[in-house]
Amino acid sequence: MEWASLAWTAIALGSGARKRASSRRGQDEEQRSWQTRLNLQLPELGGLSIVAVLRNGEFALRFEASAQTAEKIRAETKNLQNRFEAAGLTLASSLVVVNAEQVNVT
């Protein structure tokens, strides 16, 4: 399932969610995973994609952004970890990658 909209004035939001199946039969509900992707266009940060995976009660996040935005996200990693813990959630991993810049070759 995917959708796109204008979340707030000047903030574009696209999202998708899916249940990830495993090749193992007999897998119980606790071992299944869910994945969602948010594509944001923020006025001060620019384009930002976040992939969140929930597996065995733990979250794994992957942020994709420009170099400048990626650095800001990296600087707030500990704060993010603390917020997850305060909410009673487990952040197993957080990865920040810089978007590959497109180069036009003529």
N, C-alpha and C. Protein backbone atom coordinates (compact mmCIF):
# COMPACT_ATOMS: atom_id res chain seq x y z
N MET A 1 0.84 -1.15 0.00
CA MET A 1 0.00 0.00 0.00
C MET A 1 0.90 1.23 0.00
N GLU A 2 0.61 2.18 -0.88
CA GLU A 2 1.38 3.42 -0.93
C GLU A 2 0.44 4.59 -1.16
N TRP A 3 0.83 5.75 -0.65
CA TRP A 3 0.05 6.96 -0.88
C TRP A 3 0.97 8.17 -0.79
N ALA A 4 0.49 9.28 -1.32
CA ALA A 4 1.24 10.53 -1.28
C ALA A 4 0.26 11.67 -1.04
N SER A 5 0.71 12.69 -0.33
CA SER A 5 -0.14 13.85 -0.07
C SER A 5 0.70 15.02 0.39
N LEU A 6 0.04 16.13 0.66
CA LEU A 6 0.67 17.29 1.25
C LEU A 6 0.33 17.24 2.72
N ALA A 7 1.31 16.90 3.57
CA ALA A 7 1.06 16.70 5.00
C ALA A 7 0.74 18.02 5.69
N TRP A 8 1.52 19.03 5.46
CA TRP A 8 1.33 20.38 5.98
C TRP A 8 1.69 21.31 4.84
N THR A 9 1.40 22.55 4.99
CA THR A 9 1.77 23.51 3.95
C THR A 9 3.26 23.38 3.64
N ALA A 10 3.58 23.16 2.40
CA ALA A 10 4.96 23.07 1.89
C ALA A 10 5.70 21.82 2.36
N ILE A 11 5.01 20.84 2.91
CA ILE A 11 5.67 19.59 3.32
C ILE A 11 4.99 18.42 2.62
N ALA A 12 5.68 17.86 1.65
CA ALA A 12 5.16 16.72 0.90
C ALA A 12 5.48 15.44 1.65
N LEU A 13 4.55 14.50 1.62
CA LEU A 13 4.71 13.24 2.33
C LEU A 13 4.26 12.10 1.44
N GLY A 14 5.09 11.11 1.31
CA GLY A 14 4.72 9.87 0.62
C GLY A 14 5.00 8.73 1.57
N SER A 15 4.18 7.71 1.54
CA SER A 15 4.36 6.62 2.49
C SER A 15 3.94 5.30 1.86
N GLY A 16 4.53 4.25 2.36
CA GLY A 16 4.14 2.91 1.96
C GLY A 16 4.39 1.96 3.11
N ALA A 17 3.59 0.91 3.21
CA ALA A 17 3.78 -0.07 4.27
C ALA A 17 3.54 -1.45 3.68
N ARG A 18 4.27 -2.42 4.22
CA ARG A 18 4.05 -3.78 3.77
C ARG A 18 4.50 -4.76 4.84
N LYS A 19 3.85 -5.90 4.84
CA LYS A 19 4.22 -6.98 5.74
C LYS A 19 5.23 -7.82 4.98
N ARG A 20 6.37 -8.07 5.61
CA ARG A 20 7.41 -8.84 4.95
C ARG A 20 7.28 -10.29 5.35
N ALA A 21 7.13 -11.12 4.37
CA ALA A 21 6.97 -12.55 4.61
C ALA A 21 8.33 -13.22 4.68
N SER A 22 8.40 -14.28 5.43
CA SER A 22 9.62 -15.06 5.53
C SER A 22 9.44 -16.34 4.74
N SER A 23 10.54 -16.91 4.32
CA SER A 23 10.46 -18.16 3.56
C SER A 23 10.24 -19.36 4.48
N ARG A 24 10.36 -19.16 5.79
CA ARG A 24 10.18 -20.26 6.73
C ARG A 24 8.71 -20.48 7.02
N ARG A 25 8.28 -21.72 6.98
CA ARG A 25 6.90 -22.06 7.32
C ARG A 25 6.79 -22.21 8.83
N GLY A 26 5.59 -21.97 9.33
CA GLY A 26 5.37 -22.14 10.75
C GLY A 26 5.92 -21.00 11.59
N GLN A 27 6.24 -19.91 10.97
CA GLN A 27 6.80 -18.78 11.69
C GLN A 27 5.68 -18.11 12.49
N ASP A 28 5.92 -17.85 13.77
CA ASP A 28 4.87 -17.22 14.55
C ASP A 28 4.86 -15.71 14.33
N GLU A 29 3.79 -15.07 14.81
CA GLU A 29 3.58 -13.63 14.57
C GLU A 29 4.74 -12.78 15.07
N GLU A 30 5.37 -13.17 16.17
CA GLU A 30 6.44 -12.37 16.75
C GLU A 30 7.67 -12.29 15.85
N GLN A 31 7.86 -13.27 14.97
CA GLN A 31 9.04 -13.28 14.12
C GLN A 31 8.81 -12.59 12.78
N ARG A 32 7.60 -12.22 12.45
CA ARG A 32 7.32 -11.54 11.20
C ARG A 32 7.79 -10.10 11.29
N SER A 33 7.97 -9.49 10.15
CA SER A 33 8.42 -8.10 10.17
C SER A 33 7.52 -7.23 9.29
N TRP A 34 7.49 -5.97 9.64
CA TRP A 34 6.76 -4.95 8.90
C TRP A 34 7.75 -3.88 8.47
N GLN A 35 7.49 -3.30 7.31
CA GLN A 35 8.37 -2.25 6.81
C GLN A 35 7.52 -1.11 6.27
N THR A 36 7.94 0.09 6.56
CA THR A 36 7.29 1.28 5.99
C THR A 36 8.36 2.24 5.51
N ARG A 37 8.01 3.02 4.51
CA ARG A 37 8.94 4.02 3.96
C ARG A 37 8.20 5.35 3.90
N LEU A 38 8.83 6.37 4.44
CA LEU A 38 8.31 7.74 4.37
C LEU A 38 9.24 8.55 3.48
N ASN A 39 8.67 9.23 2.53
CA ASN A 39 9.43 10.15 1.67
C ASN A 39 8.93 11.54 1.97
N LEU A 40 9.79 12.37 2.54
CA LEU A 40 9.42 13.71 2.95
C LEU A 40 10.17 14.75 2.14
N GLN A 41 9.53 15.88 1.92
CA GLN A 41 10.17 17.05 1.33
C GLN A 41 9.95 18.18 2.31
N LEU A 42 10.98 18.47 3.12
CA LEU A 42 10.87 19.43 4.22
C LEU A 42 11.52 20.76 3.84
N PRO A 43 10.90 21.88 4.21
CA PRO A 43 11.43 23.20 3.81
C PRO A 43 12.87 23.44 4.26
N GLU A 44 13.23 23.06 5.47
CA GLU A 44 14.58 23.35 5.97
C GLU A 44 15.58 22.23 5.75
N LEU A 45 15.10 21.01 5.54
CA LEU A 45 16.01 19.87 5.39
C LEU A 45 16.05 19.31 3.98
N GLY A 46 15.08 19.65 3.16
CA GLY A 46 15.03 19.10 1.81
C GLY A 46 14.45 17.70 1.79
N GLY A 47 14.84 16.92 0.80
CA GLY A 47 14.32 15.56 0.65
C GLY A 47 14.90 14.62 1.70
N LEU A 48 14.03 13.81 2.28
CA LEU A 48 14.43 12.86 3.31
C LEU A 48 13.58 11.61 3.16
N SER A 49 14.21 10.46 3.08
CA SER A 49 13.50 9.18 3.06
C SER A 49 13.86 8.41 4.32
N ILE A 50 12.85 7.81 4.92
CA ILE A 50 13.07 7.01 6.12
C ILE A 50 12.42 5.65 5.90
N VAL A 51 13.21 4.61 6.06
CA VAL A 51 12.69 3.25 6.01
C VAL A 51 12.74 2.72 7.44
N ALA A 52 11.59 2.28 7.94
CA ALA A 52 11.50 1.73 9.29
C ALA A 52 11.07 0.27 9.18
N VAL A 53 11.81 -0.60 9.83
CA VAL A 53 11.48 -2.02 9.85
C VAL A 53 11.24 -2.42 11.31
N LEU A 54 10.13 -3.09 11.55
CA LEU A 54 9.82 -3.62 12.87
C LEU A 54 9.91 -5.14 12.78
N ARG A 55 10.85 -5.71 13.53
CA ARG A 55 11.07 -7.15 13.51
C ARG A 55 11.33 -7.61 14.94
N ASN A 56 10.58 -8.61 15.37
CA ASN A 56 10.75 -9.16 16.72
C ASN A 56 10.68 -8.07 17.80
N GLY A 57 9.81 -7.09 17.60
CA GLY A 57 9.62 -6.04 18.59
C GLY A 57 10.70 -4.98 18.61
N GLU A 58 11.61 -4.98 17.64
CA GLU A 58 12.68 -4.00 17.58
C GLU A 58 12.63 -3.24 16.26
N PHE A 59 12.95 -1.97 16.33
CA PHE A 59 12.96 -1.12 15.14
C PHE A 59 14.36 -0.98 14.57
N ALA A 60 14.43 -0.95 13.25
CA ALA A 60 15.65 -0.61 12.52
C ALA A 60 15.27 0.53 11.58
N LEU A 61 16.02 1.62 11.63
CA LEU A 61 15.73 2.79 10.80
C LEU A 61 16.86 3.04 9.83
N ARG A 62 16.49 3.47 8.63
CA ARG A 62 17.47 3.87 7.61
C ARG A 62 17.03 5.22 7.07
N PHE A 63 17.89 6.21 7.24
CA PHE A 63 17.62 7.56 6.75
C PHE A 63 18.43 7.79 5.49
N GLU A 64 17.81 8.35 4.46
CA GLU A 64 18.51 8.72 3.23
C GLU A 64 18.28 10.21 3.01
N ALA A 65 19.37 10.98 2.94
CA ALA A 65 19.24 12.43 2.84
C ALA A 65 20.49 13.02 2.19
N SER A 66 20.44 14.33 1.97
CA SER A 66 21.61 15.05 1.47
C SER A 66 22.71 14.99 2.52
N ALA A 67 23.91 15.33 2.14
CA ALA A 67 25.04 15.29 3.07
C ALA A 67 24.79 16.18 4.28
N GLN A 68 24.28 17.37 4.05
CA GLN A 68 24.03 18.32 5.14
C GLN A 68 22.96 17.79 6.10
N THR A 69 21.87 17.29 5.55
CA THR A 69 20.79 16.75 6.38
C THR A 69 21.24 15.48 7.09
N ALA A 70 22.01 14.64 6.41
CA ALA A 70 22.51 13.41 7.02
C ALA A 70 23.36 13.73 8.25
N GLU A 71 24.17 14.76 8.16
CA GLU A 71 25.00 15.16 9.30
C GLU A 71 24.13 15.61 10.49
N LYS A 72 23.06 16.34 10.21
CA LYS A 72 22.15 16.77 11.27
C LYS A 72 21.48 15.57 11.93
N ILE A 73 21.10 14.59 11.13
CA ILE A 73 20.46 13.38 11.68
C ILE A 73 21.46 12.61 12.54
N ARG A 74 22.68 12.45 12.04
CA ARG A 74 23.71 11.75 12.82
C ARG A 74 23.95 12.42 14.17
N ALA A 75 23.91 13.75 14.19
CA ALA A 75 24.15 14.49 15.43
C ALA A 75 23.04 14.26 16.46
N GLU A 76 21.86 13.83 16.00
CA GLU A 76 20.72 13.62 16.89
C GLU A 76 20.45 12.14 17.18
N THR A 77 21.36 11.26 16.80
CA THR A 77 21.15 9.82 16.97
C THR A 77 20.91 9.43 18.43
N LYS A 78 21.69 9.96 19.34
CA LYS A 78 21.53 9.63 20.76
C LYS A 78 20.17 10.11 21.27
N ASN A 79 19.76 11.30 20.86
CA ASN A 79 18.46 11.83 21.24
C ASN A 79 17.34 10.92 20.72
N LEU A 80 17.48 10.45 19.49
CA LEU A 80 16.50 9.52 18.92
C LEU A 80 16.43 8.24 19.74
N GLN A 81 17.57 7.68 20.09
CA GLN A 81 17.64 6.47 20.91
C GLN A 81 16.92 6.71 22.24
N ASN A 82 17.18 7.85 22.87
CA ASN A 82 16.54 8.18 24.14
C ASN A 82 15.02 8.30 24.02
N ARG A 83 14.56 8.87 22.92
CA ARG A 83 13.12 9.01 22.71
C ARG A 83 12.45 7.66 22.51
N PHE A 84 13.10 6.76 21.81
CA PHE A 84 12.56 5.41 21.65
C PHE A 84 12.46 4.74 23.02
N GLU A 85 13.53 4.82 23.80
CA GLU A 85 13.54 4.20 25.13
C GLU A 85 12.45 4.80 26.02
N ALA A 86 12.27 6.11 25.98
CA ALA A 86 11.25 6.78 26.80
C ALA A 86 9.84 6.33 26.42
N ALA A 87 9.67 5.94 25.15
CA ALA A 87 8.37 5.46 24.68
C ALA A 87 8.20 3.96 24.89
N GLY A 88 9.22 3.31 25.48
CA GLY A 88 9.14 1.88 25.70
C GLY A 88 9.42 1.05 24.46
N LEU A 89 10.12 1.64 23.50
CA LEU A 89 10.44 0.96 22.24
C LEU A 89 11.94 0.69 22.16
N THR A 90 12.29 -0.29 21.34
CA THR A 90 13.70 -0.63 21.15
C THR A 90 14.14 -0.23 19.75
N LEU A 91 15.16 0.62 19.69
CA LEU A 91 15.78 0.99 18.42
C LEU A 91 17.04 0.15 18.28
N ALA A 92 16.95 -0.92 17.50
CA ALA A 92 18.06 -1.86 17.36
C ALA A 92 19.18 -1.27 16.50
N SER A 93 18.81 -0.51 15.48
CA SER A 93 19.83 0.09 14.62
C SER A 93 19.29 1.33 13.94
N SER A 94 20.22 2.22 13.62
CA SER A 94 19.89 3.46 12.91
C SER A 94 21.04 3.73 11.94
N LEU A 95 20.72 3.78 10.67
CA LEU A 95 21.72 3.98 9.63
C LEU A 95 21.37 5.25 8.86
N VAL A 96 22.36 6.10 8.65
CA VAL A 96 22.17 7.34 7.89
C VAL A 96 23.07 7.27 6.67
N VAL A 97 22.45 7.39 5.50
CA VAL A 97 23.23 7.36 4.25
C VAL A 97 22.96 8.63 3.45
N VAL A 98 23.96 9.04 2.71
CA VAL A 98 23.85 10.22 1.85
C VAL A 98 23.31 9.76 0.51
N ASN A 99 22.28 10.48 0.04
CA ASN A 99 21.72 10.19 -1.29
C ASN A 99 22.81 10.27 -2.34
N ALA A 100 22.74 9.39 -3.30
CA ALA A 100 23.66 9.48 -4.43
C ALA A 100 23.22 10.66 -5.29
N GLU A 101 24.11 11.56 -5.51
CA GLU A 101 23.78 12.72 -6.33
C GLU A 101 23.79 12.32 -7.80
N GLN A 102 22.74 12.75 -8.49
CA GLN A 102 22.64 12.43 -9.91
C GLN A 102 23.54 13.38 -10.71
N VAL A 103 24.24 12.81 -11.63
CA VAL A 103 25.10 13.61 -12.50
C VAL A 103 24.64 13.41 -13.93
N ASN A 104 24.32 14.51 -14.60
CA ASN A 104 23.90 14.44 -16.00
C ASN A 104 25.12 14.40 -16.90
N VAL A 105 25.18 13.39 -17.72
CA VAL A 105 26.28 13.25 -18.66
C VAL A 105 25.71 13.48 -20.05
N THR A 106 26.24 14.47 -20.73
CA THR A 106 25.74 14.75 -22.08
C THR A 106 26.74 14.42 -23.13
